[in-house]
Amino acid sequence: MEFIHVTSNNREQTLLRTKPCVMALGFFDGVHLGHQKVIREAKRAAEEQDLPLVIMSFFPHPKEVLSNGINIIPYLMPMKEKRRIFEELGADTFYLIQFTKEFAGLSPREFVQTYLLDFGAKQVVAGFDFTYGHRGEGNMDTMFRDSDGKLEGIKVEKIEWAGEKISSTLIRQLVLAGEVERISSYLGNDYQSEGRITFRKKHVEVALHPNYLVPASGWYEVTVNLHQDTTTQIAVVRDGRLTLLSSQSKVFPFYEGETVRLSWRKVLPACVVYKNISSQVFLRSSLVGL
């Protein structure tokens, strides 16, 4: 998959390389089940028309830009992770548009003409709540008008689980509340994060990479992936710090400075006994000094 970060400086040069395509539009933070349906629908349309699948997204979040940085959005994943998932879903090109106040000021028609038609879009797919142009005045129902009849917009309807709309906002709330067991129903898999290992005397600390969320303070069962090996560990979150306690052996299966991938499985009870943790009983109170 080709990745192009489009800015005001390279936009014209990028346009020289564009080709006719089917385009999926959205911010796609977390790439949850609703986002995946949008991309898969776009992929289906692209294959039917024998066109490449292009994903167009935006960064930073519009709320951050339009609030002059007052509203900081806690992203679910970094851009590198989003790119990996897009490629797995079959995207041929990923355009990441730099979101600025100037970009936000484009009228709906200007956006469609200069960022959809100019970028080769022959058909556009987005979620039911996707909006574009100044003050979000454009939507999938106005796409045909704003493109002078050149673009058909495919609107993917709302996806729900247990009566709740699947959204990035909801998933952020679940992570920050520590309700990790519910997340797979909305995300399609466990919430995952990556971080760098630092060894201490009886545990390891994990410094999560930027743009991953830290769940609420508590004890969690996680699976840790490293070098295609997976182990089960206890993750302890306290005051935003993340530590791991092994539930399988006295020796951790990784080394200082390595990057590990965590899948957050479930919350553990207040007092948990793991026979393989140095044959000791760990209580929450024992972690005060960590």
C-alpha atoms as a PDB file:
ATOM      1  CA  MET A   1       0.000   0.000   0.000  1.00  0.00           C
ATOM      2  CA  GLU A   2       1.262   3.453  -0.907  1.00  0.00           C
ATOM      3  CA  PHE A   3       1.041   6.079   1.840  1.00  0.00           C
ATOM      4  CA  ILE A   4       1.038   9.789   0.993  1.00  0.00           C
ATOM      5  CA  HIS A   5       0.780  12.554   3.595  1.00  0.00           C
ATOM      6  CA  VAL A   6      -0.837  15.366   1.632  1.00  0.00           C
ATOM      7  CA  THR A   7      -0.030  18.932   2.682  1.00  0.00           C
ATOM      8  CA  SER A   8      -0.401  22.301   1.010  1.00  0.00           C
ATOM      9  CA  ASN A   9       3.233  21.972  -0.092  1.00  0.00           C
ATOM     10  CA  ASN A  10       2.936  18.662  -1.972  1.00  0.00           C
ATOM     11  CA  ARG A  11      -0.718  18.635  -3.035  1.00  0.00           C
ATOM     12  CA  GLU A  12      -0.118  19.705  -6.637  1.00  0.00           C
ATOM     13  CA  GLN A  13       2.718  17.228  -7.052  1.00  0.00           C
ATOM     14  CA  THR A  14       0.551  14.444  -5.610  1.00  0.00           C
ATOM     15  CA  LEU A  15      -2.228  15.200  -8.097  1.00  0.00           C
ATOM     16  CA  LEU A  16       0.130  14.318 -10.953  1.00  0.00           C
ATOM     17  CA  ARG A  17       0.136  10.696  -9.715  1.00  0.00           C
ATOM     18  CA  THR A  18      -3.554  10.160  -9.030  1.00  0.00           C
ATOM     19  CA  LYS A  19      -5.598   7.546 -10.908  1.00  0.00           C
ATOM     20  CA  PRO A  20      -9.322   6.765 -11.162  1.00  0.00           C
ATOM     21  CA  CYS A  21     -10.350   5.009  -7.945  1.00  0.00           C
ATOM     22  CA  VAL A  22     -13.040   4.120  -5.459  1.00  0.00           C
ATOM     23  CA  MET A  23     -12.476   6.130  -2.292  1.00  0.00           C
ATOM     24  CA  ALA A  24     -13.357   5.384   1.341  1.00  0.00           C
ATOM     25  CA  LEU A  25     -13.641   8.520   3.479  1.00  0.00           C
ATOM     26  CA  GLY A  26     -13.400   8.930   7.243  1.00  0.00           C
ATOM     27  CA  PHE A  27     -11.228   9.668  10.247  1.00  0.00           C
ATOM     28  CA  PHE A  28     -11.143   5.951  11.132  1.00  0.00           C
ATOM     29  CA  ASP A  29      -9.656   6.185  14.644  1.00  0.00           C
ATOM     30  CA  GLY A  30      -9.488   2.638  15.978  1.00  0.00           C
ATOM     31  CA  VAL A  31     -10.731   1.193  12.657  1.00  0.00           C
ATOM     32  CA  HIS A  32     -13.698  -0.364  14.476  1.00  0.00           C
ATOM     33  CA  LEU A  33     -16.374  -2.614  12.957  1.00  0.00           C
ATOM     34  CA  GLY A  34     -18.263   0.357  11.500  1.00  0.00           C
ATOM     35  CA  HIS A  35     -15.110   1.651   9.826  1.00  0.00           C
ATOM     36  CA  GLN A  36     -14.302  -1.823   8.555  1.00  0.00           C
ATOM     37  CA  LYS A  37     -17.722  -2.088   6.935  1.00  0.00           C
ATOM     38  CA  VAL A  38     -17.114   1.207   5.111  1.00  0.00           C
ATOM     39  CA  ILE A  39     -13.740   0.028   3.818  1.00  0.00           C
ATOM     40  CA  ARG A  40     -15.026  -3.413   2.832  1.00  0.00           C
ATOM     41  CA  GLU A  41     -17.947  -1.857   0.965  1.00  0.00           C
ATOM     42  CA  ALA A  42     -15.483   0.389  -0.867  1.00  0.00           C
ATOM     43  CA  LYS A  43     -13.281  -2.614  -1.614  1.00  0.00           C
ATOM     44  CA  ARG A  44     -16.259  -4.490  -3.069  1.00  0.00           C
ATOM     45  CA  ALA A  45     -17.142  -1.515  -5.280  1.00  0.00           C
ATOM     46  CA  ALA A  46     -13.516  -1.155  -6.390  1.00  0.00           C
ATOM     47  CA  GLU A  47     -13.284  -4.806  -7.398  1.00  0.00           C
ATOM     48  CA  GLU A  48     -16.569  -4.603  -9.308  1.00  0.00           C
ATOM     49  CA  GLN A  49     -15.251  -1.651 -11.310  1.00  0.00           C
ATOM     50  CA  ASP A  50     -11.670  -2.962 -11.539  1.00  0.00           C
ATOM     51  CA  LEU A  51     -10.387   0.181  -9.829  1.00  0.00           C
ATOM     52  CA  PRO A  52      -7.904   0.627  -6.993  1.00  0.00           C
ATOM     53  CA  LEU A  53      -9.175   1.223  -3.463  1.00  0.00           C
ATOM     54  CA  VAL A  54      -8.053   4.531  -1.989  1.00  0.00           C
ATOM     55  CA  ILE A  55      -8.597   5.565   1.621  1.00  0.00           C
ATOM     56  CA  MET A  56      -8.636   9.267   2.441  1.00  0.00           C
ATOM     57  CA  SER A  57      -8.370  10.307   6.060  1.00  0.00           C
ATOM     58  CA  PHE A  58      -7.433  13.446   7.971  1.00  0.00           C
ATOM     59  CA  PHE A  59      -5.082  14.483  10.777  1.00  0.00           C
ATOM     60  CA  PRO A  60      -5.076  16.076  13.315  1.00  0.00           C
ATOM     61  CA  HIS A  61      -8.644  15.630  14.520  1.00  0.00           C
ATOM     62  CA  PRO A  62     -10.852  18.544  13.392  1.00  0.00           C
ATOM     63  CA  LYS A  63     -11.912  19.265  16.986  1.00  0.00           C
ATOM     64  CA  GLU A  64      -8.283  19.885  17.969  1.00  0.00           C
ATOM     65  CA  VAL A  65      -7.653  22.281  15.083  1.00  0.00           C
ATOM     66  CA  LEU A  66     -10.908  24.207  15.334  1.00  0.00           C
ATOM     67  CA  SER A  67     -10.553  24.629  19.109  1.00  0.00           C
ATOM     68  CA  ASN A  68      -6.960  25.958  18.746  1.00  0.00           C
ATOM     69  CA  GLY A  69      -5.673  22.941  20.643  1.00  0.00           C
ATOM     70  CA  ILE A  70      -7.995  23.340  23.635  1.00  0.00           C
ATOM     71  CA  ASN A  71      -9.844  20.090  22.896  1.00  0.00           C
ATOM     72  CA  ILE A  72      -7.235  17.327  22.825  1.00  0.00           C
ATOM     73  CA  ILE A  73      -8.522  14.069  21.367  1.00  0.00           C
ATOM     74  CA  PRO A  74      -7.196  10.868  23.022  1.00  0.00           C
ATOM     75  CA  TYR A  75      -6.498   8.751  19.950  1.00  0.00           C
ATOM     76  CA  LEU A  76      -7.008   4.992  20.077  1.00  0.00           C
ATOM     77  CA  MET A  77      -3.988   4.179  17.923  1.00  0.00           C
ATOM     78  CA  PRO A  78      -1.027   5.822  16.180  1.00  0.00           C
ATOM     79  CA  MET A  79      -0.953   6.372  12.436  1.00  0.00           C
ATOM     80  CA  LYS A  80       1.446   3.466  11.895  1.00  0.00           C
ATOM     81  CA  GLU A  81      -1.129   1.060  13.297  1.00  0.00           C
ATOM     82  CA  LYS A  82      -3.907   2.545  11.190  1.00  0.00           C
ATOM     83  CA  ARG A  83      -1.775   2.124   8.090  1.00  0.00           C
ATOM     84  CA  ARG A  84      -1.149  -1.542   8.914  1.00  0.00           C
ATOM     85  CA  ILE A  85      -4.869  -2.269   9.230  1.00  0.00           C
ATOM     86  CA  PHE A  86      -5.718  -0.393   6.025  1.00  0.00           C
ATOM     87  CA  GLU A  87      -3.223  -2.508   4.146  1.00  0.00           C
ATOM     88  CA  GLU A  88      -4.687  -5.709   5.627  1.00  0.00           C
ATOM     89  CA  LEU A  89      -8.145  -4.573   4.462  1.00  0.00           C
ATOM     90  CA  GLY A  90      -6.895  -4.291   0.897  1.00  0.00           C
ATOM     91  CA  ALA A  91      -6.259  -0.578   0.367  1.00  0.00           C
ATOM     92  CA  ASP A  92      -3.975   0.306  -2.525  1.00  0.00           C
ATOM     93  CA  THR A  93      -3.312   3.925  -1.521  1.00  0.00           C
ATOM     94  CA  PHE A  94      -3.782   5.877   1.698  1.00  0.00           C
ATOM     95  CA  TYR A  95      -3.999   9.666   1.453  1.00  0.00           C
ATOM     96  CA  LEU A  96      -3.628  11.379   4.813  1.00  0.00           C
ATOM     97  CA  ILE A  97      -4.802  14.975   4.448  1.00  0.00           C
ATOM     98  CA  GLN A  98      -3.306  17.564   6.773  1.00  0.00           C
ATOM     99  CA  PHE A  99      -6.311  19.122   8.501  1.00  0.00           C
ATOM    100  CA  THR A 100      -5.856  22.865   8.914  1.00  0.00           C
ATOM    101  CA  LYS A 101      -8.161  25.817   9.445  1.00  0.00           C
ATOM    102  CA  GLU A 102      -7.766  26.638   5.755  1.00  0.00           C
ATOM    103  CA  PHE A 103      -8.849  23.130   4.824  1.00  0.00           C
ATOM    104  CA  ALA A 104     -11.790  23.378   7.237  1.00  0.00           C
ATOM    105  CA  GLY A 105     -12.854  26.590   5.502  1.00  0.00           C
ATOM    106  CA  LEU A 106     -13.449  24.911   2.154  1.00  0.00           C
ATOM    107  CA  SER A 107     -17.068  24.930   1.068  1.00  0.00           C
ATOM    108  CA  PRO A 108     -18.634  21.480   0.555  1.00  0.00           C
ATOM    109  CA  ARG A 109     -18.422  21.932  -3.207  1.00  0.00           C
ATOM    110  CA  GLU A 110     -14.766  23.034  -3.028  1.00  0.00           C
ATOM    111  CA  PHE A 111     -13.885  19.960  -0.956  1.00  0.00           C
ATOM    112  CA  VAL A 112     -15.575  17.580  -3.382  1.00  0.00           C
ATOM    113  CA  GLN A 113     -14.057  19.237  -6.432  1.00  0.00           C
ATOM    114  CA  THR A 114     -10.483  19.629  -5.136  1.00  0.00           C
ATOM    115  CA  TYR A 115     -10.060  16.608  -2.832  1.00  0.00           C
ATOM    116  CA  LEU A 116     -12.336  13.965  -4.330  1.00  0.00           C
ATOM    117  CA  LEU A 117     -12.661  14.596  -8.056  1.00  0.00           C
ATOM    118  CA  ASP A 118      -9.129  15.985  -8.399  1.00  0.00           C
ATOM    119  CA  PHE A 119      -7.794  12.901  -6.574  1.00  0.00           C
ATOM    120  CA  GLY A 120      -9.472  10.564  -9.053  1.00  0.00           C
ATOM    121  CA  ALA A 121     -12.559   9.459  -7.124  1.00  0.00           C
ATOM    122  CA  LYS A 122     -15.195   7.797  -9.320  1.00  0.00           C
ATOM    123  CA  GLN A 123     -17.231   6.551  -6.387  1.00  0.00           C
ATOM    124  CA  VAL A 124     -17.091   7.480  -2.708  1.00  0.00           C
ATOM    125  CA  VAL A 125     -18.037   5.399   0.332  1.00  0.00           C
ATOM    126  CA  ALA A 126     -18.460   6.783   3.852  1.00  0.00           C
ATOM    127  CA  GLY A 127     -20.469   6.284   7.004  1.00  0.00           C
ATOM    128  CA  PHE A 128     -23.958   7.665   7.490  1.00  0.00           C
ATOM    129  CA  ASP A 129     -22.668  10.453   9.743  1.00  0.00           C
ATOM    130  CA  PHE A 130     -19.718  11.583   7.622  1.00  0.00           C
ATOM    131  CA  THR A 131     -19.759  15.317   6.901  1.00  0.00           C
ATOM    132  CA  TYR A 132     -17.445  17.542   4.898  1.00  0.00           C
ATOM    133  CA  GLY A 133     -16.826  21.167   4.029  1.00  0.00           C
ATOM    134  CA  HIS A 134     -17.234  24.318   6.097  1.00  0.00           C
ATOM    135  CA  ARG A 135     -19.145  23.619   9.332  1.00  0.00           C
ATOM    136  CA  GLY A 136     -19.774  20.084   8.092  1.00  0.00           C
ATOM    137  CA  GLU A 137     -22.515  21.317   5.789  1.00  0.00           C
ATOM    138  CA  GLY A 138     -21.885  18.560   3.233  1.00  0.00           C
ATOM    139  CA  ASN A 139     -22.867  14.921   3.717  1.00  0.00           C
ATOM    140  CA  MET A 140     -23.366  11.781   1.663  1.00  0.00           C
ATOM    141  CA  ASP A 141     -26.772  12.989   0.517  1.00  0.00           C
ATOM    142  CA  THR A 142     -25.268  16.165  -1.014  1.00  0.00           C
ATOM    143  CA  MET A 143     -22.318  14.432  -2.720  1.00  0.00           C
ATOM    144  CA  PHE A 144     -24.083  14.135  -6.105  1.00  0.00           C
ATOM    145  CA  ARG A 145     -24.974  17.827  -6.091  1.00  0.00           C
ATOM    146  CA  ASP A 146     -21.546  19.043  -4.954  1.00  0.00           C
ATOM    147  CA  SER A 147     -19.818  16.948  -7.625  1.00  0.00           C
ATOM    148  CA  ASP A 148     -22.064  18.320 -10.395  1.00  0.00           C
ATOM    149  CA  GLY A 149     -23.466  14.825 -10.851  1.00  0.00           C
ATOM    150  CA  LYS A 150     -20.048  13.189 -11.319  1.00  0.00           C
ATOM    151  CA  LEU A 151     -19.896  11.257  -8.024  1.00  0.00           C
ATOM    152  CA  GLU A 152     -22.216   8.722  -6.487  1.00  0.00           C
ATOM    153  CA  GLY A 153     -21.919   8.509  -2.730  1.00  0.00           C
ATOM    154  CA  ILE A 154     -22.491   5.137  -1.059  1.00  0.00           C
ATOM    155  CA  LYS A 155     -23.701   5.726   2.505  1.00  0.00           C
ATOM    156  CA  VAL A 156     -23.037   2.921   4.986  1.00  0.00           C
ATOM    157  CA  GLU A 157     -25.739   2.855   7.607  1.00  0.00           C
ATOM    158  CA  LYS A 158     -25.192   2.867  11.374  1.00  0.00           C
ATOM    159  CA  ILE A 159     -23.727  -0.276  12.944  1.00  0.00           C
ATOM    160  CA  GLU A 160     -24.901  -1.127  16.456  1.00  0.00           C
ATOM    161  CA  TRP A 161     -24.119  -3.658  19.135  1.00  0.00           C
ATOM    162  CA  ALA A 162     -26.493  -4.245  22.046  1.00  0.00           C
ATOM    163  CA  GLY A 163     -28.415  -1.128  21.055  1.00  0.00           C
ATOM    164  CA  GLU A 164     -25.365   1.170  21.061  1.00  0.00           C
ATOM    165  CA  LYS A 165     -23.867   2.811  17.995  1.00  0.00           C
ATOM    166  CA  ILE A 166     -20.351   1.572  17.369  1.00  0.00           C
ATOM    167  CA  SER A 167     -18.124   4.636  17.495  1.00  0.00           C
ATOM    168  CA  SER A 168     -14.578   5.670  18.323  1.00  0.00           C
ATOM    169  CA  THR A 169     -15.963   7.866  21.111  1.00  0.00           C
ATOM    170  CA  LEU A 170     -17.667   4.897  22.772  1.00  0.00           C
ATOM    171  CA  ILE A 171     -14.536   2.746  22.534  1.00  0.00           C
ATOM    172  CA  ARG A 172     -12.417   5.519  24.079  1.00  0.00           C
ATOM    173  CA  GLN A 173     -14.888   5.723  26.954  1.00  0.00           C
ATOM    174  CA  LEU A 174     -14.689   1.952  27.502  1.00  0.00           C
ATOM    175  CA  VAL A 175     -10.879   1.962  27.539  1.00  0.00           C
ATOM    176  CA  LEU A 176     -10.669   4.910  29.925  1.00  0.00           C
ATOM    177  CA  ALA A 177     -13.267   3.273  32.194  1.00  0.00           C
ATOM    178  CA  GLY A 178     -11.330  -0.014  32.199  1.00  0.00           C
ATOM    179  CA  GLU A 179     -14.202  -1.956  30.606  1.00  0.00           C
ATOM    180  CA  VAL A 180     -11.851  -3.794  28.266  1.00  0.00           C
ATOM    181  CA  GLU A 181     -13.944  -6.969  28.008  1.00  0.00           C
ATOM    182  CA  ARG A 182     -16.680  -5.109  26.104  1.00  0.00           C
ATOM    183  CA  ILE A 183     -14.374  -3.620  23.509  1.00  0.00           C
ATOM    184  CA  SER A 184     -14.042  -6.600  21.164  1.00  0.00           C
ATOM    185  CA  SER A 185     -17.786  -6.414  20.401  1.00  0.00           C
ATOM    186  CA  TYR A 186     -17.227  -2.938  18.928  1.00  0.00           C
ATOM    187  CA  LEU A 187     -13.638  -3.077  17.712  1.00  0.00           C
ATOM    188  CA  GLY A 188     -13.677  -6.609  16.328  1.00  0.00           C
ATOM    189  CA  ASN A 189     -10.768  -7.657  18.547  1.00  0.00           C
ATOM    190  CA  ASP A 190      -9.271  -6.843  21.945  1.00  0.00           C
ATOM    191  CA  TYR A 191      -7.930  -3.328  22.416  1.00  0.00           C
ATOM    192  CA  GLN A 192      -4.210  -3.491  21.646  1.00  0.00           C
ATOM    193  CA  SER A 193      -1.282  -1.253  22.434  1.00  0.00           C
ATOM    194  CA  GLU A 194       2.488  -1.277  22.100  1.00  0.00           C
ATOM    195  CA  GLY A 195       5.192  -0.111  24.467  1.00  0.00           C
ATOM    196  CA  ARG A 196       8.833  -0.342  25.432  1.00  0.00           C
ATOM    197  CA  ILE A 197      10.012  -2.611  28.266  1.00  0.00           C
ATOM    198  CA  THR A 198      12.092  -1.403  31.230  1.00  0.00           C
ATOM    199  CA  PHE A 199      13.084  -3.908  33.921  1.00  0.00           C
ATOM    200  CA  ARG A 200      12.720  -3.199  37.629  1.00  0.00           C
ATOM    201  CA  LYS A 201      13.444  -5.474  40.626  1.00  0.00           C
ATOM    202  CA  LYS A 202      10.247  -7.542  40.660  1.00  0.00           C
ATOM    203  CA  HIS A 203       8.352  -6.319  37.644  1.00  0.00           C
ATOM    204  CA  VAL A 204       8.723  -4.572  34.312  1.00  0.00           C
ATOM    205  CA  GLU A 205       7.399  -1.189  33.319  1.00  0.00           C
ATOM    206  CA  VAL A 206       5.888  -0.600  29.894  1.00  0.00           C
ATOM    207  CA  ALA A 207       6.060   2.888  28.407  1.00  0.00           C
ATOM    208  CA  LEU A 208       3.267   2.905  25.847  1.00  0.00           C
ATOM    209  CA  HIS A 209       4.031   4.529  22.539  1.00  0.00           C
ATOM    210  CA  PRO A 210       2.242   7.830  21.807  1.00  0.00           C
ATOM    211  CA  ASN A 211      -1.431   7.766  20.804  1.00  0.00           C
ATOM    212  CA  TYR A 212      -2.310   4.597  22.688  1.00  0.00           C
ATOM    213  CA  LEU A 213      -4.734   4.917  25.596  1.00  0.00           C
ATOM    214  CA  VAL A 214      -3.964   3.638  29.101  1.00  0.00           C
ATOM    215  CA  PRO A 215      -6.986   1.945  30.697  1.00  0.00           C
ATOM    216  CA  ALA A 216      -8.296   2.986  34.093  1.00  0.00           C
ATOM    217  CA  SER A 217      -6.292   2.081  37.204  1.00  0.00           C
ATOM    218  CA  GLY A 218      -6.694  -1.595  38.059  1.00  0.00           C
ATOM    219  CA  TRP A 219      -5.506  -5.129  37.410  1.00  0.00           C
ATOM    220  CA  TYR A 220      -5.942  -6.736  33.990  1.00  0.00           C
ATOM    221  CA  GLU A 221      -5.193  -9.973  32.248  1.00  0.00           C
ATOM    222  CA  VAL A 222      -3.295  -9.257  29.041  1.00  0.00           C
ATOM    223  CA  THR A 223      -1.618 -11.289  26.371  1.00  0.00           C
ATOM    224  CA  VAL A 224       1.816 -10.060  25.379  1.00  0.00           C
ATOM    225  CA  ASN A 225       3.088 -10.645  21.864  1.00  0.00           C
ATOM    226  CA  LEU A 226       6.777 -10.557  21.011  1.00  0.00           C
ATOM    227  CA  HIS A 227       8.643 -12.247  18.167  1.00  0.00           C
ATOM    228  CA  GLN A 228       5.478 -14.213  17.238  1.00  0.00           C
ATOM    229  CA  ASP A 229       5.349 -15.657  20.775  1.00  0.00           C
ATOM    230  CA  THR A 230       2.382 -14.986  23.053  1.00  0.00           C
ATOM    231  CA  THR A 231       2.341 -15.146  26.856  1.00  0.00           C
ATOM    232  CA  THR A 232      -0.245 -14.278  29.491  1.00  0.00           C
ATOM    233  CA  GLN A 233       0.692 -11.570  31.985  1.00  0.00           C
ATOM    234  CA  ILE A 234      -0.912  -9.457  34.682  1.00  0.00           C
ATOM    235  CA  ALA A 235      -0.977  -5.771  33.817  1.00  0.00           C
ATOM    236  CA  VAL A 236      -1.259  -3.277  36.648  1.00  0.00           C
ATOM    237  CA  VAL A 237      -2.269   0.296  35.896  1.00  0.00           C
ATOM    238  CA  ARG A 238      -1.772   2.835  38.651  1.00  0.00           C
ATOM    239  CA  ASP A 239      -1.768   6.613  38.174  1.00  0.00           C
ATOM    240  CA  GLY A 240      -1.219   6.183  34.454  1.00  0.00           C
ATOM    241  CA  ARG A 241       1.796   3.891  34.907  1.00  0.00           C
ATOM    242  CA  LEU A 242       1.742   0.393  33.437  1.00  0.00           C
ATOM    243  CA  THR A 243       3.613  -2.555  34.929  1.00  0.00           C
ATOM    244  CA  LEU A 244       3.590  -6.275  34.152  1.00  0.00           C
ATOM    245  CA  LEU A 245       3.683  -9.223  36.539  1.00  0.00           C
ATOM    246  CA  SER A 246       4.240 -12.630  34.983  1.00  0.00           C
ATOM    247  CA  SER A 247       1.552 -15.251  35.539  1.00  0.00           C
ATOM    248  CA  GLN A 248       3.528 -18.053  33.927  1.00  0.00           C
ATOM    249  CA  SER A 249       7.084 -18.036  35.261  1.00  0.00           C
ATOM    250  CA  LYS A 250       9.530 -16.141  37.411  1.00  0.00           C
ATOM    251  CA  VAL A 251      11.439 -14.986  34.343  1.00  0.00           C
ATOM    252  CA  PHE A 252       9.902 -12.609  31.835  1.00  0.00           C
ATOM    253  CA  PRO A 253      10.227 -13.823  28.228  1.00  0.00           C
ATOM    254  CA  PHE A 254      11.617 -10.551  26.886  1.00  0.00           C
ATOM    255  CA  TYR A 255      14.594  -8.235  27.254  1.00  0.00           C
ATOM    256  CA  GLU A 256      15.307  -4.676  28.299  1.00  0.00           C
ATOM    257  CA  GLY A 257      14.278  -2.136  25.688  1.00  0.00           C
ATOM    258  CA  GLU A 258      12.184  -4.466  23.544  1.00  0.00           C
ATOM    259  CA  THR A 259       8.826  -3.361  22.186  1.00  0.00           C
ATOM    260  CA  VAL A 260       5.909  -5.604  23.102  1.00  0.00           C
ATOM    261  CA  ARG A 261       2.303  -5.688  21.941  1.00  0.00           C
ATOM    262  CA  LEU A 262      -0.416  -6.009  24.571  1.00  0.00           C
ATOM    263  CA  SER A 263      -3.959  -7.269  24.058  1.00  0.00           C
ATOM    264  CA  TRP A 264      -6.188  -6.217  26.949  1.00  0.00           C
ATOM    265  CA  ARG A 265      -8.364  -9.245  27.778  1.00  0.00           C
ATOM    266  CA  LYS A 266     -10.257  -8.655  31.019  1.00  0.00           C
ATOM    267  CA  VAL A 267     -10.343  -6.943  34.396  1.00  0.00           C
ATOM    268  CA  LEU A 268      -9.127  -9.047  37.311  1.00  0.00           C
ATOM    269  CA  PRO A 269     -10.743  -9.176  40.786  1.00  0.00           C
ATOM    270  CA  ALA A 270      -9.435  -7.025  43.622  1.00  0.00           C
ATOM    271  CA  CYS A 271      -7.406  -9.905  45.080  1.00  0.00           C
ATOM    272  CA  VAL A 272      -5.940 -12.434  42.668  1.00  0.00           C
ATOM    273  CA  VAL A 273      -3.787 -15.488  43.382  1.00  0.00           C
ATOM    274  CA  TYR A 274      -1.507 -16.732  40.635  1.00  0.00           C
ATOM    275  CA  LYS A 275       0.467 -19.806  41.640  1.00  0.00           C
ATOM    276  CA  ASN A 276       3.192 -19.097  39.114  1.00  0.00           C
ATOM    277  CA  ILE A 277       4.051 -15.612  40.352  1.00  0.00           C
ATOM    278  CA  SER A 278       6.936 -16.602  42.580  1.00  0.00           C
ATOM    279  CA  SER A 279       4.447 -18.622  44.698  1.00  0.00           C
ATOM    280  CA  GLN A 280       3.240 -15.395  46.312  1.00  0.00           C
ATOM    281  CA  VAL A 281      -0.122 -13.738  46.772  1.00  0.00           C
ATOM    282  CA  PHE A 282      -0.187 -10.239  45.280  1.00  0.00           C
ATOM    283  CA  LEU A 283      -2.658  -7.727  46.650  1.00  0.00           C
ATOM    284  CA  ARG A 284      -3.373  -4.296  45.285  1.00  0.00           C
ATOM    285  CA  SER A 285      -1.912  -2.800  48.432  1.00  0.00           C
ATOM    286  CA  SER A 286       1.444  -4.431  47.696  1.00  0.00           C
ATOM    287  CA  LEU A 287       1.843  -2.228  44.637  1.00  0.00           C
ATOM    288  CA  VAL A 288       1.766   1.085  46.435  1.00  0.00           C
ATOM    289  CA  GLY A 289       5.527   1.357  46.193  1.00  0.00           C
ATOM    290  CA  LEU A 290       5.815   0.443  42.510  1.00  0.00           C
END
